Amino acid sequence: MRKIAVITMARNDENFLNKWVSYYGREFGEENLYIYLDGEDQSIPAKAGKTNVTKVPKIGGKVVKAEKARLLYLSQRAAELLINGYDVVIGCDADEFLIIDPKVGVSLKEYLSNVEFDTCLSALGIDMGQHLQQESVIDWDKPFLEQRSYALVCSRYTKPVIVNKPCQWGAGFHRVKGHNFHIDKNLYLLHFGSFDMKM
């Protein structure tokens, strides 16, 4: 099996971070998760478990400039992990969950341990929504997909979040500089940032 790490950076996002840790920790082991908190004023998530949590000085500036700086920082951390023993790094936001089509019949770790790719690999983006007449306010203590059944296939969230060589992600993990997209037919990136009107 390949050694796989998952990284994210978040600010004021504890609800999503707790879900993120629960999901990716189950898939890859909490000790292989790396959370970078954007600001030394941030609290460590209640359910951080054995994850590696680092508080970094708040990345300031206007949104576009700050986002570029954030992804440069995460690209550098991913490169360090790859140089120091990891075979694959997944980089995504705290509200994004990389899944494998259940019909494939293997775990995400098993699949990523066997799929061949050069530098980066993308999943098909799925933007989860809320049907206001059929679905209620999200209950954070229950699985998301028990509560949400509607989504859009979305190019914006079709991101090259999987890398196996040091490289530079563009803002929001939306691209890898100098590399084409290779969308894996069995992988999906579920984005939950817009799945609850009240939130």
Protein backbone atom coordinates (compact mmCIF):
# COMPACT_ATOMS: atom_id res chain seq x y z
CA MET A 1 0.00 0.00 0.00
CA ARG A 2 1.18 3.50 -0.77
CA LYS A 3 1.65 5.92 2.10
CA ILE A 4 -0.97 8.65 1.67
CA ALA A 5 -1.34 12.00 3.45
CA VAL A 6 -4.23 14.47 3.36
CA ILE A 7 -3.76 18.19 4.00
CA THR A 8 -6.01 21.20 4.44
CA MET A 9 -5.99 24.75 5.73
CA ALA A 10 -8.98 26.22 7.50
CA ARG A 11 -10.17 29.22 9.50
CA ASN A 12 -13.32 29.27 11.66
CA ASP A 13 -14.36 25.94 10.18
CA GLU A 14 -14.58 23.53 13.13
CA ASN A 15 -17.82 21.81 12.07
CA PHE A 16 -16.38 20.90 8.69
CA LEU A 17 -12.97 20.05 10.17
CA ASN A 18 -14.51 17.55 12.56
CA LYS A 19 -16.26 15.84 9.62
CA TRP A 20 -13.06 16.05 7.56
CA VAL A 21 -11.04 14.34 10.32
CA SER A 22 -13.69 11.66 10.79
CA TYR A 23 -13.85 10.82 7.09
CA TYR A 24 -10.19 11.01 6.06
CA GLY A 25 -9.03 9.55 9.38
CA ARG A 26 -11.16 6.48 8.70
CA GLU A 27 -9.75 6.21 5.17
CA PHE A 28 -6.06 6.88 5.81
CA GLY A 29 -5.46 7.04 9.59
CA GLU A 30 -5.62 10.24 11.64
CA GLU A 31 -1.83 10.30 11.97
CA ASN A 32 -1.62 10.92 8.20
CA LEU A 33 -3.81 14.05 8.29
CA TYR A 34 -2.24 17.51 8.35
CA ILE A 35 -4.36 20.49 9.34
CA TYR A 36 -2.97 24.01 9.07
CA LEU A 37 -5.01 26.58 10.98
CA ASP A 38 -4.98 30.01 9.32
CA GLY A 39 -4.25 32.21 12.33
CA GLU A 40 -2.69 31.68 15.73
CA ASP A 41 -6.02 32.73 17.28
CA GLN A 42 -7.64 29.51 16.02
CA SER A 43 -8.66 26.68 18.34
CA ILE A 44 -7.63 23.10 17.71
CA PRO A 45 -10.73 21.17 16.54
CA ALA A 46 -12.42 19.20 19.32
CA LYS A 47 -12.18 15.98 17.32
CA ALA A 48 -8.63 16.45 16.02
CA GLY A 49 -7.56 13.12 17.51
CA LYS A 50 -4.09 12.04 16.33
CA THR A 51 -3.98 14.51 13.44
CA ASN A 52 -1.04 16.84 12.95
CA VAL A 53 -2.36 20.35 13.67
CA THR A 54 -0.23 23.44 13.07
CA LYS A 55 -1.28 27.02 13.74
CA VAL A 56 0.27 29.42 11.24
CA PRO A 57 0.23 33.23 11.28
CA LYS A 58 -2.91 34.55 9.57
CA ILE A 59 -2.35 34.89 5.84
CA GLY A 60 -3.33 38.49 5.23
CA GLY A 61 -4.09 40.61 2.18
CA LYS A 62 -6.98 40.80 -0.24
CA VAL A 63 -8.82 37.57 -1.02
CA VAL A 64 -7.08 36.70 -4.30
CA LYS A 65 -3.58 37.45 -3.02
CA ALA A 66 -4.22 35.63 0.26
CA GLU A 67 -5.59 32.58 -1.57
CA LYS A 68 -2.47 32.37 -3.75
CA ALA A 69 -0.28 32.60 -0.65
CA ARG A 70 -2.35 29.91 1.08
CA LEU A 71 -1.93 27.46 -1.81
CA LEU A 72 1.77 28.23 -2.16
CA TYR A 73 2.13 27.36 1.53
CA LEU A 74 0.14 24.12 1.14
CA SER A 75 2.07 23.17 -2.01
CA GLN A 76 5.30 23.54 -0.05
CA ARG A 77 3.97 21.38 2.79
CA ALA A 78 2.81 18.73 0.30
CA ALA A 79 6.25 18.72 -1.32
CA GLU A 80 7.90 18.20 2.07
CA LEU A 81 5.62 15.25 2.80
CA LEU A 82 6.38 13.68 -0.59
CA ILE A 83 10.13 14.17 -0.13
CA ASN A 84 9.98 12.72 3.39
CA GLY A 85 8.26 9.42 2.75
CA TYR A 86 4.71 9.86 1.46
CA ASP A 87 3.84 8.47 -1.96
CA VAL A 88 0.66 10.50 -2.50
CA VAL A 89 -0.77 13.70 -1.00
CA ILE A 90 -4.40 14.76 -1.24
CA GLY A 91 -5.00 18.48 -0.79
CA CYS A 92 -8.51 19.85 -0.36
CA ASP A 93 -10.64 22.28 1.60
CA ALA A 94 -12.33 21.22 4.83
CA ASP A 95 -15.73 21.09 3.08
CA GLU A 96 -14.51 18.72 0.34
CA PHE A 97 -14.52 14.95 0.45
CA LEU A 98 -12.80 12.72 -2.11
CA ILE A 99 -14.73 9.49 -2.61
CA ILE A 100 -14.52 6.44 -4.83
CA ASP A 101 -17.50 5.03 -6.70
CA PRO A 102 -18.78 2.22 -4.43
CA LYS A 103 -19.27 0.03 -7.51
CA VAL A 104 -15.48 -0.28 -7.81
CA GLY A 105 -15.53 -2.44 -4.68
CA VAL A 106 -12.29 -1.26 -3.04
CA SER A 107 -11.41 1.39 -0.49
CA LEU A 108 -10.13 4.80 -1.52
CA LYS A 109 -6.71 3.92 -0.09
CA GLU A 110 -6.58 0.66 -2.04
CA TYR A 111 -7.55 2.43 -5.24
CA LEU A 112 -5.01 5.24 -4.84
CA SER A 113 -2.36 2.65 -4.01
CA ASN A 114 -2.78 1.06 -7.42
CA VAL A 115 -3.83 3.76 -9.87
CA GLU A 116 -1.01 5.08 -12.07
CA PHE A 117 -0.73 8.80 -12.79
CA ASP A 118 1.91 11.40 -13.53
CA THR A 119 2.11 14.26 -11.01
CA CYS A 120 -1.60 14.96 -10.49
CA LEU A 121 -5.01 13.37 -10.72
CA SER A 122 -8.48 14.94 -10.67
CA ALA A 123 -11.82 13.71 -9.43
CA LEU A 124 -15.14 14.74 -10.99
CA GLY A 125 -16.59 17.63 -8.99
CA ILE A 126 -20.03 17.28 -7.41
CA ASP A 127 -21.48 20.40 -5.76
CA MET A 128 -23.97 19.29 -3.10
CA GLY A 129 -27.09 21.41 -2.60
CA GLN A 130 -30.30 21.56 -0.60
CA HIS A 131 -33.82 20.98 -1.90
CA LEU A 132 -35.63 23.52 0.26
CA GLN A 133 -39.00 21.80 -0.03
CA GLN A 134 -37.68 18.33 0.82
CA GLU A 135 -34.57 18.70 2.96
CA SER A 136 -34.25 20.34 6.38
CA VAL A 137 -31.42 22.21 8.10
CA ILE A 138 -28.30 20.06 8.34
CA ASP A 139 -27.72 18.03 11.49
CA TRP A 140 -23.95 17.97 12.01
CA ASP A 141 -24.16 14.81 14.11
CA LYS A 142 -25.54 12.75 11.21
CA PRO A 143 -23.84 11.70 7.95
CA PHE A 144 -24.24 14.36 5.26
CA LEU A 145 -25.43 11.99 2.55
CA GLU A 146 -28.26 10.75 4.74
CA GLN A 147 -29.57 14.32 4.64
CA ARG A 148 -28.77 15.52 1.11
CA SER A 149 -29.79 13.93 -2.20
CA TYR A 150 -29.31 16.74 -4.72
CA ALA A 151 -26.18 18.00 -6.44
CA LEU A 152 -24.76 19.41 -9.66
CA VAL A 153 -21.86 18.05 -11.65
CA CYS A 154 -19.51 21.02 -11.47
CA SER A 155 -16.34 21.83 -13.37
CA ARG A 156 -15.33 24.28 -10.61
CA TYR A 157 -14.88 21.41 -8.16
CA THR A 158 -13.25 19.07 -10.67
CA LYS A 159 -9.87 19.63 -9.08
CA PRO A 160 -6.46 17.95 -9.31
CA VAL A 161 -6.42 17.32 -5.55
CA ILE A 162 -4.22 14.19 -5.76
CA VAL A 163 -0.48 14.60 -6.34
CA ASN A 164 2.50 12.26 -6.28
CA LYS A 165 5.30 14.72 -7.06
CA PRO A 166 6.17 18.15 -5.68
CA CYS A 167 4.23 20.74 -7.69
CA GLN A 168 2.39 24.05 -7.36
CA TRP A 169 -1.36 24.11 -6.87
CA GLY A 170 -3.24 27.15 -8.15
CA ALA A 171 -5.71 29.01 -5.94
CA GLY A 172 -8.29 26.75 -4.30
CA PHE A 173 -6.54 23.57 -5.55
CA HIS A 174 -8.28 24.26 -8.90
CA ARG A 175 -5.25 23.48 -11.03
CA VAL A 176 -1.63 22.35 -10.94
CA LYS A 177 0.66 24.79 -12.69
CA GLY A 178 2.25 23.30 -15.80
CA HIS A 179 0.12 20.14 -15.86
CA ASN A 180 -3.05 19.07 -17.65
CA PHE A 181 -6.16 17.68 -16.02
CA HIS A 182 -6.54 13.90 -15.89
CA ILE A 183 -10.02 13.11 -14.54
CA ASP A 184 -10.33 9.64 -13.05
CA LYS A 185 -13.64 7.99 -13.98
CA ASN A 186 -14.00 6.37 -10.54
CA LEU A 187 -13.31 9.35 -8.28
CA TYR A 188 -15.61 12.16 -7.15
CA LEU A 189 -14.94 15.27 -5.10
CA LEU A 190 -18.03 16.19 -3.09
CA HIS A 191 -18.20 19.87 -2.16
CA PHE A 192 -20.50 20.71 0.75
CA GLY A 193 -19.84 24.46 1.14
CA SER A 194 -23.27 25.43 -0.27
CA PHE A 195 -25.39 22.54 1.00
CA ASP A 196 -27.35 24.36 3.71
CA MET A 197 -29.26 27.59 3.13
CA LYS A 198 -29.29 28.56 6.81
CA MET A 199 -25.51 28.11 7.09
